[in-house]
Protein backbone atom coordinates (compact mmCIF):
# COMPACT_ATOMS: atom_id res chain seq x y z
CA MET A 1 136.80 92.77 100.41
CA ILE A 2 135.53 90.07 102.78
CA LEU A 3 131.74 89.74 102.92
CA ASN A 4 130.08 88.21 105.96
CA PHE A 5 126.93 86.62 104.60
CA TYR A 6 123.98 84.61 105.85
CA LYS A 7 121.88 82.14 103.88
CA TYR A 8 118.12 81.77 104.46
CA GLN A 9 115.38 79.89 102.66
CA GLY A 10 111.61 80.21 102.63
CA ALA A 11 109.91 77.11 101.19
CA GLY A 12 113.04 76.42 99.18
CA ASN A 13 113.30 79.96 97.79
CA ASP A 14 116.85 80.80 98.92
CA PHE A 15 118.60 84.09 99.56
CA ILE A 16 121.96 85.59 100.45
CA PHE A 17 121.63 88.14 103.26
CA LEU A 18 124.04 90.94 104.07
CA ASP A 19 123.84 93.33 107.01
CA ASN A 20 124.33 96.62 105.19
CA ARG A 21 123.40 98.99 107.98
CA ASN A 22 126.82 100.61 107.60
CA GLY A 23 126.12 101.19 103.89
CA THR A 24 129.38 99.73 102.63
CA PHE A 25 128.07 97.12 100.17
CA PRO A 26 128.50 98.40 96.57
CA LYS A 27 124.94 97.76 95.45
CA GLU A 28 125.51 99.61 92.19
CA ASN A 29 127.89 96.78 91.24
CA LYS A 30 125.45 94.57 89.31
CA GLU A 31 128.18 92.16 88.20
CA LEU A 32 129.05 91.46 91.84
CA ILE A 33 125.42 90.71 92.71
CA VAL A 34 125.12 88.32 89.77
CA HIS A 35 128.41 86.67 90.78
CA LEU A 36 127.36 86.18 94.40
CA CYS A 37 124.08 84.56 93.31
CA ASP A 38 125.78 82.27 90.80
CA ARG A 39 125.39 78.65 91.96
CA HIS A 40 128.63 77.51 90.32
CA PHE A 41 131.08 80.35 90.92
CA GLY A 42 129.51 82.29 93.80
CA ILE A 43 127.57 81.57 96.96
CA GLY A 44 124.45 80.64 95.03
CA ALA A 45 120.89 81.89 95.57
CA ASP A 46 117.65 82.97 93.92
CA GLY A 47 118.37 86.49 95.14
CA LEU A 48 120.42 88.77 97.38
CA ILE A 49 118.92 90.87 100.19
CA LEU A 50 120.44 93.79 102.05
CA ILE A 51 119.17 94.87 105.45
CA GLU A 52 119.63 98.63 105.85
CA ASN A 53 118.71 101.37 108.28
CA HIS A 54 115.49 103.29 107.71
CA SER A 55 114.42 106.47 109.44
CA GLU A 56 110.72 105.60 109.80
CA THR A 57 110.63 101.79 110.14
CA ASP A 58 112.62 99.03 111.83
CA PHE A 59 114.67 98.40 108.71
CA LYS A 60 114.76 98.60 104.95
CA MET A 61 114.90 95.48 102.80
CA VAL A 62 116.67 95.87 99.45
CA TYR A 63 116.08 92.87 97.21
CA PHE A 64 117.95 91.89 94.06
CA ASN A 65 117.02 88.99 91.81
CA ALA A 66 119.83 86.69 90.69
CA ASP A 67 120.21 88.85 87.56
CA SER A 68 120.54 91.99 89.78
CA SER A 69 117.10 93.40 88.87
CA GLN A 70 115.04 94.76 91.76
CA THR A 71 111.50 93.93 92.82
CA MET A 72 109.47 92.79 95.83
CA CYS A 73 109.91 89.23 97.11
CA GLY A 74 107.43 87.70 99.55
CA ASN A 75 109.53 84.73 100.64
CA GLY A 76 112.57 86.99 100.85
CA ALA A 77 110.66 89.48 102.99
CA ARG A 78 109.68 86.77 105.48
CA CYS A 79 113.31 85.67 105.61
CA ALA A 80 114.34 89.31 106.07
CA VAL A 81 112.18 89.44 109.20
CA ALA A 82 113.87 86.28 110.51
CA PHE A 83 117.30 87.79 109.75
CA ALA A 84 116.38 91.09 111.42
CA LYS A 85 115.38 89.14 114.51
CA LYS A 86 118.71 87.29 114.45
CA LEU A 87 120.50 90.65 114.27
CA GLY A 88 118.51 91.94 117.26
CA ILE A 89 116.78 94.66 115.26
CA ILE A 90 113.31 93.35 116.08
CA ASN A 91 111.66 90.92 118.49
CA GLU A 92 108.38 89.25 117.49
CA SER A 93 107.06 91.79 115.00
CA ALA A 94 108.42 94.20 112.42
CA ASN A 95 107.52 97.26 110.44
CA PHE A 96 109.83 97.55 107.46
CA THR A 97 110.13 99.10 104.02
CA ALA A 98 110.56 97.14 100.79
CA TYR A 99 110.50 97.80 97.04
CA ASP A 100 106.70 98.11 97.00
CA GLY A 101 106.37 100.16 100.18
CA PRO A 102 105.80 99.52 103.91
CA HIS A 103 105.02 96.08 105.36
CA TYR A 104 104.15 94.61 108.74
CA ALA A 105 105.07 91.08 109.82
CA GLU A 106 104.78 88.87 112.88
CA VAL A 107 106.86 85.90 114.01
CA ASN A 108 104.48 83.09 114.99
CA ASP A 109 104.93 80.60 117.83
CA ASP A 110 105.66 77.78 115.36
CA GLY A 111 108.48 79.77 113.74
CA THR A 112 106.55 80.70 110.62
CA ILE A 113 106.24 84.35 109.69
CA SER A 114 103.06 86.13 108.63
CA LEU A 115 103.66 89.01 106.26
CA GLU A 116 101.16 91.68 105.28
CA MET A 117 101.26 92.18 101.52
CA ILE A 118 100.01 95.16 99.52
CA ASP A 119 96.31 95.60 98.69
CA VAL A 120 95.42 94.26 95.25
CA ASP A 121 92.80 96.25 93.35
CA GLN A 122 93.53 95.46 89.70
CA ILE A 123 93.04 91.87 88.57
CA ASP A 124 92.79 91.23 84.85
CA VAL A 125 90.76 88.11 84.07
CA LEU A 126 91.47 87.01 80.51
CA GLU A 127 90.41 84.01 78.45
CA ASP A 128 93.11 81.59 79.60
CA HIS A 129 94.86 83.35 82.48
CA VAL A 130 94.75 86.00 85.17
CA PHE A 131 97.21 88.86 85.47
CA THR A 132 97.87 90.95 88.58
CA ASN A 133 100.52 92.71 90.64
CA THR A 134 101.21 91.59 94.22
CA GLY A 135 104.43 93.56 94.56
CA THR A 136 105.69 92.22 91.27
CA LEU A 137 103.91 91.15 88.07
CA HIS A 138 102.24 87.74 87.88
CA HIS A 139 100.58 85.67 85.17
CA ILE A 140 98.46 82.79 86.56
CA GLU A 141 97.08 79.80 84.64
CA VAL A 142 94.99 76.89 85.90
CA VAL A 143 96.24 73.59 84.45
CA ASN A 144 95.93 69.82 84.86
CA ASN A 145 98.71 67.35 85.72
CA LEU A 146 100.96 70.08 87.11
CA GLU A 147 103.59 67.57 88.23
CA ASN A 148 104.43 66.81 84.60
CA TYR A 149 103.68 70.24 83.16
CA PRO A 150 106.45 71.91 81.07
CA VAL A 151 106.77 74.84 83.47
CA VAL A 152 110.20 76.05 82.38
CA GLU A 153 109.55 75.78 78.64
CA LEU A 154 106.12 77.42 78.65
CA GLY A 155 106.93 79.80 81.49
CA ARG A 156 109.93 81.17 79.64
CA LYS A 157 107.93 81.50 76.43
CA ILE A 158 105.09 83.40 78.12
CA ARG A 159 107.51 85.56 80.13
CA ASN A 160 109.31 86.69 76.97
CA GLU A 161 106.80 86.50 74.12
CA VAL A 162 103.74 87.83 75.95
CA TYR A 163 105.36 90.35 78.29
CA GLY A 164 108.48 91.38 76.39
CA ALA A 165 111.53 92.98 77.95
CA GLU A 166 109.81 93.84 81.25
CA GLY A 167 108.60 90.27 81.62
CA SER A 168 106.36 88.71 84.23
CA ASN A 169 106.53 85.82 86.64
CA VAL A 170 104.45 82.92 85.33
CA ASN A 171 102.49 80.67 87.70
CA PHE A 172 100.74 77.40 86.93
CA ILE A 173 98.27 76.07 89.49
CA GLU A 174 96.21 72.90 89.91
CA GLN A 175 93.32 72.63 92.37
CA THR A 176 93.31 69.67 94.78
CA ASN A 177 90.35 70.58 97.03
CA ALA A 178 88.04 73.47 97.86
CA ASN A 179 90.77 75.77 99.17
CA THR A 180 94.05 74.07 98.22
CA PHE A 181 96.19 74.37 95.12
CA LEU A 182 99.48 73.05 93.84
CA ILE A 183 101.68 75.74 92.32
CA ARG A 184 104.82 75.95 90.22
CA THR A 185 106.42 79.24 89.19
CA TYR A 186 108.81 80.45 86.51
CA GLU A 187 110.45 83.59 87.91
CA ARG A 188 111.74 86.47 85.84
CA GLY A 189 115.05 87.70 87.21
CA VAL A 190 116.01 84.13 88.04
CA GLU A 191 114.91 83.00 84.55
CA ASP A 192 114.09 79.53 85.75
CA GLU A 193 111.63 77.67 87.90
CA THR A 194 112.10 78.29 91.63
CA LEU A 195 111.00 76.01 94.45
CA ALA A 196 108.52 78.64 95.64
CA CYS A 197 107.53 82.26 95.06
CA GLY A 198 105.84 84.29 97.78
CA THR A 199 104.33 87.00 95.61
CA GLY A 200 103.38 84.20 93.20
CA VAL A 201 101.37 82.18 95.71
CA THR A 202 99.72 85.43 96.83
CA ALA A 203 98.75 86.22 93.24
CA ALA A 204 97.56 82.65 92.69
CA ALA A 205 95.33 82.66 95.78
CA ILE A 206 93.74 85.95 94.79
CA ALA A 207 93.32 84.84 91.17
CA ALA A 208 91.71 81.55 92.22
CA HIS A 209 89.22 83.44 94.39
CA LYS A 210 88.56 86.04 91.73
CA ILE A 211 87.60 83.46 89.08
CA GLY A 212 85.54 81.38 91.50
CA LYS A 213 87.81 78.38 91.88
CA THR A 214 87.49 78.86 95.64
CA THR A 215 85.15 80.85 97.85
CA ASP A 216 87.45 80.58 100.87
CA THR A 217 89.44 83.60 102.01
CA VAL A 218 92.15 81.38 103.46
CA VAL A 219 93.92 79.49 100.69
CA ASN A 220 96.61 76.81 101.00
CA LEU A 221 99.27 76.54 98.32
CA HIS A 222 101.70 73.67 97.98
CA ALA A 223 104.91 74.64 96.18
CA ILE A 224 107.74 72.24 95.41
CA GLY A 225 109.75 73.64 98.31
CA GLY A 226 107.04 73.78 100.94
CA ASN A 227 103.59 74.87 102.00
CA LEU A 228 102.37 78.46 102.17
CA GLN A 229 99.08 80.05 103.14
CA VAL A 230 97.43 83.24 101.95
CA SER A 231 94.51 84.94 103.69
CA PHE A 232 92.64 88.11 102.71
CA ASP A 233 89.47 90.16 102.94
CA VAL A 234 87.54 91.31 99.88
CA THR A 235 85.75 94.66 99.84
CA ASP A 236 84.20 96.03 96.63
CA GLY A 237 86.47 93.82 94.57
CA ILE A 238 89.62 95.00 96.36
CA TYR A 239 91.72 92.40 98.18
CA LYS A 240 92.83 93.84 101.51
CA ASN A 241 94.54 92.57 104.65
CA VAL A 242 96.42 90.15 102.44
CA VAL A 243 98.70 87.99 104.59
CA LEU A 244 101.30 85.49 103.39
CA THR A 245 102.32 82.90 106.01
CA GLY A 246 105.10 80.36 105.74
CA PRO A 247 108.54 79.23 106.87
CA ALA A 248 111.69 81.35 106.96
CA GLN A 249 114.69 79.33 107.98
CA PHE A 250 118.36 80.08 108.62
CA VAL A 251 120.61 77.72 106.63
CA PHE A 252 124.21 78.76 107.27
CA GLN A 253 126.57 81.72 107.43
CA GLY A 254 130.06 82.29 106.11
CA THR A 255 132.52 84.66 104.50
CA PHE A 256 133.15 85.31 100.82
CA ASN A 257 136.31 86.91 99.46
CA VAL A 258 135.51 89.42 96.74
CA SER A 259 138.71 90.07 94.83
């Protein structure tokens, strides 16, 4: 089987894209998904995304982590919008369905994409961290000297020892001014640090506001792979109109022979 694939990245978070509107990709084949995402023996990516037909929206996004598990992915969703535009499915805006439900997105004049995320109404503020769900589970800690912080070592420990088999993404943030934070993320499903995490920066922005680190409702987050912005409204403790804005860039396309 010859796969025609496309590679996209959003702030360094990279994805394999397949146009699966004909429904021929064997998505039950977890070993194949893992193989395609393998950076040594496959194409290499943090995840694989299928674009499929959907009866009520412009398209359906099916996201697999590098280990073949499924979840929502904010950077992947923005890239999915860019890919859908390349395929001619959409023009400058999109309504689509993902793992966590329906989403709306717009392509901005500067090429960035603004993606509406889910409302967030449950935010657990604990002694040394915040825990919430922005489409996938996130643990957020405020730290110092993030550049030299042992993100992989501690992130893996927290992901496994605190959250068990289900796991959680683990985010470490450091404040640099009133509405700006550095962020590094250990992602479950990739089981390593990634250059950015869209649902992670969304969770971090909301957590920072919730615990009073910022009073702004537009928050800038600097990941290793690029800059992202999260805006929101807060009503009765519920974070609504949550929008993640950032780059979504085509890298290359090719074919892959699956024997």
